[in-house]
Protein backbone atom coordinates (compact mmCIF):
# COMPACT_ATOMS: atom_id res chain seq x y z
CA MET A 1 0.17 0.01 0.00
CA SER A 2 1.28 3.56 -0.84
CA ASP A 3 1.89 5.93 2.05
CA VAL A 4 -0.50 8.97 1.41
CA PRO A 5 -1.51 11.82 3.70
CA ARG A 6 -4.47 11.30 5.93
CA ASP A 7 -7.64 13.11 5.76
CA LEU A 8 -8.28 13.52 9.53
CA ALA A 9 -11.78 15.04 8.99
CA GLY A 10 -12.78 12.35 6.69
CA TYR A 11 -11.29 9.72 9.00
CA ALA A 12 -13.24 11.08 12.06
CA GLU A 13 -16.47 10.77 10.01
CA GLU A 14 -15.90 7.47 8.52
CA TYR A 15 -14.91 6.17 11.81
CA GLY A 16 -18.17 7.14 13.30
CA ARG A 17 -20.10 5.09 10.57
CA SER A 18 -18.09 1.98 10.38
CA PRO A 19 -20.17 -1.10 11.02
CA PHE A 20 -19.21 -3.37 13.89
CA GLU A 21 -16.16 -0.70 14.96
CA PRO A 22 -18.07 0.23 18.20
CA LEU A 23 -17.98 -3.54 19.33
CA GLN A 24 -14.57 -4.07 18.16
CA VAL A 25 -13.52 -0.96 20.28
CA VAL A 26 -15.01 -2.42 23.19
CA TYR A 27 -12.67 -5.55 23.18
CA ARG A 28 -9.72 -3.48 22.06
CA ARG A 29 -10.38 -1.10 25.13
CA ARG A 30 -10.78 -3.75 27.60
CA ARG A 31 -7.40 -5.13 26.62
CA VAL A 32 -5.69 -2.05 26.66
CA LEU A 33 -7.00 -1.21 30.04
CA THR A 34 -5.93 -4.52 31.27
CA ARG A 35 -2.21 -3.93 29.96
CA VAL A 36 -2.41 -0.41 31.66
CA ALA A 37 -3.48 -2.03 35.01
CA ALA A 38 -0.50 -4.48 34.56
CA ALA A 39 2.12 -1.90 33.88
CA ALA A 40 0.57 0.51 36.80
CA PRO A 41 2.19 3.69 35.42
CA ARG A 42 2.14 6.92 37.36
CA ARG A 43 1.92 8.95 34.14
CA LEU A 44 0.28 7.69 30.97
CA LEU A 45 0.38 9.31 27.36
CA GLU A 46 -2.15 8.25 24.84
CA ILE A 47 -1.58 9.12 21.32
CA GLY A 48 -4.45 9.33 19.04
CA CYS A 49 -7.60 8.69 21.46
CA GLY A 50 -10.54 8.51 19.06
CA GLU A 51 -14.06 8.99 20.47
CA VAL A 52 -13.42 7.93 23.94
CA PRO A 53 -10.06 8.64 25.70
CA LEU A 54 -8.50 6.19 28.06
CA PHE A 55 -8.62 8.75 31.16
CA VAL A 56 -12.54 8.19 31.27
CA ASP A 57 -11.91 4.90 32.81
CA LEU A 58 -8.70 5.74 34.71
CA PRO A 59 -9.87 8.22 37.56
CA GLY A 60 -6.92 9.38 39.54
CA LEU A 61 -4.17 8.46 36.97
CA ALA A 62 -2.29 11.48 35.47
CA CYS A 63 -3.10 11.34 31.61
CA THR A 64 -2.04 13.33 28.54
CA VAL A 65 -3.80 12.95 25.22
CA VAL A 66 -2.13 13.84 22.11
CA GLU A 67 -4.60 14.00 19.44
CA PRO A 68 -4.11 15.42 15.83
CA ALA A 69 -7.80 15.21 14.78
CA PRO A 70 -9.64 18.49 15.65
CA ALA A 71 -12.96 16.75 16.25
CA PHE A 72 -11.65 14.07 18.46
CA ALA A 73 -9.41 16.59 20.51
CA ALA A 74 -12.33 18.82 21.41
CA HIS A 75 -14.39 16.06 22.56
CA ALA A 76 -11.53 14.85 24.84
CA ARG A 77 -11.17 18.28 26.17
CA ARG A 78 -15.05 18.33 27.10
CA LEU A 79 -14.68 14.82 28.60
CA ALA A 80 -11.57 16.10 30.67
CA GLU A 81 -13.44 19.06 32.21
CA GLY A 82 -12.94 19.01 36.02
CA ARG A 83 -9.84 16.61 35.63
CA ALA A 84 -6.86 18.57 36.63
CA ASP A 85 -4.76 15.50 36.10
CA VAL A 86 -5.57 15.27 32.50
CA ALA A 87 -4.11 17.35 29.75
CA VAL A 88 -5.32 17.26 26.01
CA VAL A 89 -2.89 18.50 23.25
CA GLN A 90 -4.16 18.80 19.73
CA ALA A 91 -1.13 18.05 17.50
CA PRO A 92 0.58 15.50 15.66
CA ALA A 93 2.88 13.42 17.87
CA GLU A 94 5.85 14.25 16.09
CA ASP A 95 5.43 17.90 16.88
CA VAL A 96 5.26 17.09 20.60
CA VAL A 97 8.42 17.27 22.92
CA PRO A 98 8.66 16.18 26.63
CA ASP A 99 8.82 19.85 27.63
CA ASP A 100 5.32 20.38 26.03
CA VAL A 101 3.62 17.92 28.28
CA GLY A 102 5.60 17.90 31.71
CA GLY A 103 8.38 15.27 30.72
CA ARG A 104 8.32 11.66 29.79
CA PHE A 105 5.84 9.02 30.55
CA ASP A 106 5.90 5.66 32.25
CA MET A 107 3.63 4.28 29.64
CA VAL A 108 2.68 5.34 26.02
CA VAL A 109 -0.53 3.93 24.30
CA LEU A 110 -0.85 3.65 20.49
CA SER A 111 -4.23 1.89 20.11
CA GLY A 112 -5.59 1.31 16.62
CA LEU A 113 -3.18 3.77 15.06
CA LEU A 114 0.29 2.58 13.94
CA HIS A 115 -1.20 0.91 10.84
CA GLU A 116 -2.82 4.05 9.77
CA VAL A 117 -0.22 6.54 9.60
CA PRO A 118 1.96 7.36 6.53
CA ASP A 119 5.23 6.84 8.56
CA PRO A 120 5.11 4.33 11.17
CA GLN A 121 8.78 4.86 12.15
CA LEU A 122 8.18 8.75 12.61
CA LEU A 123 5.29 7.94 14.87
CA LEU A 124 7.38 5.38 16.95
CA ALA A 125 10.26 7.91 17.16
CA SER A 126 7.86 10.40 18.68
CA ALA A 127 6.73 7.55 21.07
CA ARG A 128 10.23 6.97 22.02
CA THR A 129 11.03 10.55 22.71
CA LEU A 130 8.04 10.78 25.01
CA CYS A 131 8.53 7.37 26.87
CA ALA A 132 10.70 7.32 29.77
CA PRO A 133 13.77 4.69 29.80
CA GLY A 134 12.29 1.53 31.15
CA GLY A 135 8.88 2.64 30.21
CA VAL A 136 6.14 0.49 28.40
CA LEU A 137 4.84 0.96 24.82
CA HIS A 138 1.53 -0.63 24.12
CA VAL A 139 0.63 -1.14 20.59
CA ASN A 140 -2.44 -2.76 19.02
CA VAL A 141 -3.20 -3.15 15.36
CA PRO A 142 -5.40 -5.43 13.11
CA SER A 143 -4.02 -8.69 12.25
CA ALA A 144 -3.14 -9.90 8.81
CA ARG A 145 -3.49 -13.49 10.08
CA SER A 146 -7.00 -12.73 11.43
CA LEU A 147 -9.35 -15.85 11.03
CA HIS A 148 -11.74 -13.67 8.55
CA ARG A 149 -8.61 -12.59 6.50
CA LEU A 150 -7.58 -16.62 6.29
CA LEU A 151 -11.13 -17.47 5.43
CA ALA A 152 -11.30 -14.99 2.62
CA VAL A 153 -8.01 -16.43 1.16
CA ALA A 154 -9.42 -20.03 1.32
CA MET A 155 -12.67 -18.59 -0.50
CA ASP A 156 -10.26 -17.10 -3.24
CA LEU A 157 -11.80 -13.68 -2.30
CA ILE A 158 -8.37 -12.25 -1.61
CA PRO A 159 -4.92 -13.32 -3.02
CA HIS A 160 -3.29 -13.18 0.46
CA PRO A 161 -3.87 -12.34 4.08
CA ALA A 162 -2.43 -8.71 4.07
CA ALA A 163 -4.59 -7.78 0.84
CA GLU A 164 -6.08 -4.33 1.24
CA SER A 165 -9.72 -4.45 2.08
CA ALA A 166 -12.62 -2.19 1.29
CA ASN A 167 -12.84 -1.27 5.05
CA GLN A 168 -9.20 -0.39 5.08
CA ARG A 169 -9.59 1.90 2.26
CA ARG A 170 -12.52 3.64 3.89
CA LEU A 171 -10.71 4.23 7.32
CA GLN A 172 -7.41 5.09 5.44
CA GLN A 173 -5.58 2.22 6.80
CA GLN A 174 -2.16 1.98 5.21
CA ARG A 175 -0.91 -1.40 6.09
CA VAL A 176 -1.67 -4.61 7.95
CA TYR A 177 0.83 -6.25 10.33
CA ASP A 178 1.31 -9.89 11.41
CA VAL A 179 3.10 -10.51 14.67
CA GLY A 180 6.57 -10.61 13.05
CA GLY A 181 6.08 -7.52 11.00
CA LEU A 182 4.85 -5.66 14.00
CA GLU A 183 7.81 -6.82 16.23
CA ARG A 184 10.22 -5.90 13.48
CA GLU A 185 8.63 -2.53 13.03
CA LEU A 186 9.05 -1.87 16.80
CA GLY A 187 12.51 -3.29 17.14
CA GLN A 188 13.74 -0.94 14.21
CA ALA A 189 12.58 1.96 16.50
CA GLY A 190 14.55 0.70 19.41
CA PHE A 191 11.83 -1.03 21.47
CA VAL A 192 12.14 -4.45 22.86
CA VAL A 193 8.68 -6.52 22.82
CA ARG A 194 8.04 -8.24 26.34
CA GLU A 195 4.58 -9.54 25.84
CA ARG A 196 2.04 -10.07 23.13
CA GLY A 197 -1.35 -11.39 22.44
CA SER A 198 -4.50 -10.91 20.30
CA ILE A 199 -8.13 -9.66 20.59
CA LEU A 200 -11.49 -11.09 19.47
CA VAL A 201 -11.29 -14.05 17.12
CA LYS A 202 -13.60 -12.70 14.36
CA PRO A 203 -14.99 -15.13 11.78
CA PHE A 204 -16.24 -12.64 9.33
CA THR A 205 -15.80 -9.26 7.95
CA HIS A 206 -17.00 -6.07 10.01
CA ALA A 207 -20.19 -5.80 7.85
CA GLN A 208 -21.02 -9.46 8.13
CA MET A 209 -20.36 -9.36 11.97
CA GLN A 210 -22.74 -6.30 12.32
CA ARG A 211 -25.46 -8.05 10.30
CA LEU A 212 -25.09 -10.95 12.60
CA VAL A 213 -25.56 -8.59 15.76
CA ASP A 214 -28.34 -6.99 14.00
CA ASP A 215 -30.09 -10.25 13.33
CA GLY A 216 -29.82 -11.16 17.00
CA PHE A 217 -27.76 -14.26 16.12
CA LEU A 218 -24.56 -12.97 17.56
CA THR A 219 -24.96 -12.32 21.19
CA SER A 220 -22.66 -10.54 23.70
CA GLN A 221 -22.08 -13.99 25.40
CA MET A 222 -20.87 -15.21 21.80
CA LEU A 223 -18.54 -12.09 21.50
CA ASP A 224 -17.16 -12.53 25.03
CA GLY A 225 -16.26 -16.19 24.06
CA LEU A 226 -14.67 -15.22 20.80
CA ASP A 227 -12.47 -12.84 22.72
CA ARG A 228 -11.51 -15.49 25.27
CA LEU A 229 -10.72 -17.91 22.37
CA THR A 230 -7.52 -15.80 21.94
CA GLU A 231 -6.17 -17.46 24.96
CA GLN A 232 -6.04 -20.75 23.06
CA LEU A 233 -5.64 -19.54 19.60
CA PRO A 234 -3.75 -16.13 19.63
CA GLU A 235 -2.69 -16.45 15.94
CA LEU A 236 -6.17 -16.21 15.01
CA GLY A 237 -7.42 -12.86 16.74
CA SER A 238 -8.49 -10.00 14.70
CA GLU A 239 -6.17 -7.64 16.25
CA ILE A 240 -2.64 -8.22 17.79
CA TRP A 241 -1.18 -6.47 20.81
CA VAL A 242 2.28 -6.01 22.16
CA ASP A 243 3.81 -4.34 25.38
CA ALA A 244 7.37 -3.28 24.38
CA GLU A 245 9.96 -1.71 26.45
CA LEU A 246 12.23 1.20 25.88
CA PRO A 247 15.67 -0.02 27.37
CA ARG A 248 17.20 2.04 29.91
CA ASP A 249 20.63 3.67 28.45
């Protein structure tokens, strides 16, 4: 896929209309909050917060949001009203330095973002600058080895698991990673992966999953079960996540 500039306003609009994405976000967010609890940071940075920043579910934790999309940043500021321990900066991450945000962070979260940016190494360099030595970088991205992609290959609908989908084009997603590719990307940026896993075994496309939900066939109990299946079948999850460490000098 070619690297092209992002239309942030168009992205925000399409994000809100994407079928099944709100449910996908629920499972992605659960996993991120679990990893935050495991890391127990004193200060957390979320780069790219989307519609619901993490700080909403992290009372008492000092959180900073760096969000380039004006609509998402404005919404985050409204949600942060009354929270003296929360700061929202509207800017691309590469324009932010530690002095702008009160220093470096024990944990940096890139949730559902790395696969969307034109230059992932530029974004990771920014994360490295803002992450304290010994700190944790949490990243999650769609998986090229998701069950629904493997099924599409088996049905001769796409030539290979990493082939670009219509949903990727709509959401301006510029690449899809497998576990090895994601770890190489992080390694090139100077991070060392310490833990990894996946989220929600998704047998079908977003549109098909949404239809099953709308028809009443796909229940919350089924979805919870599909998410728990990643404990046994981590290679088939729809998204992969890693916790990486910035080594101390």
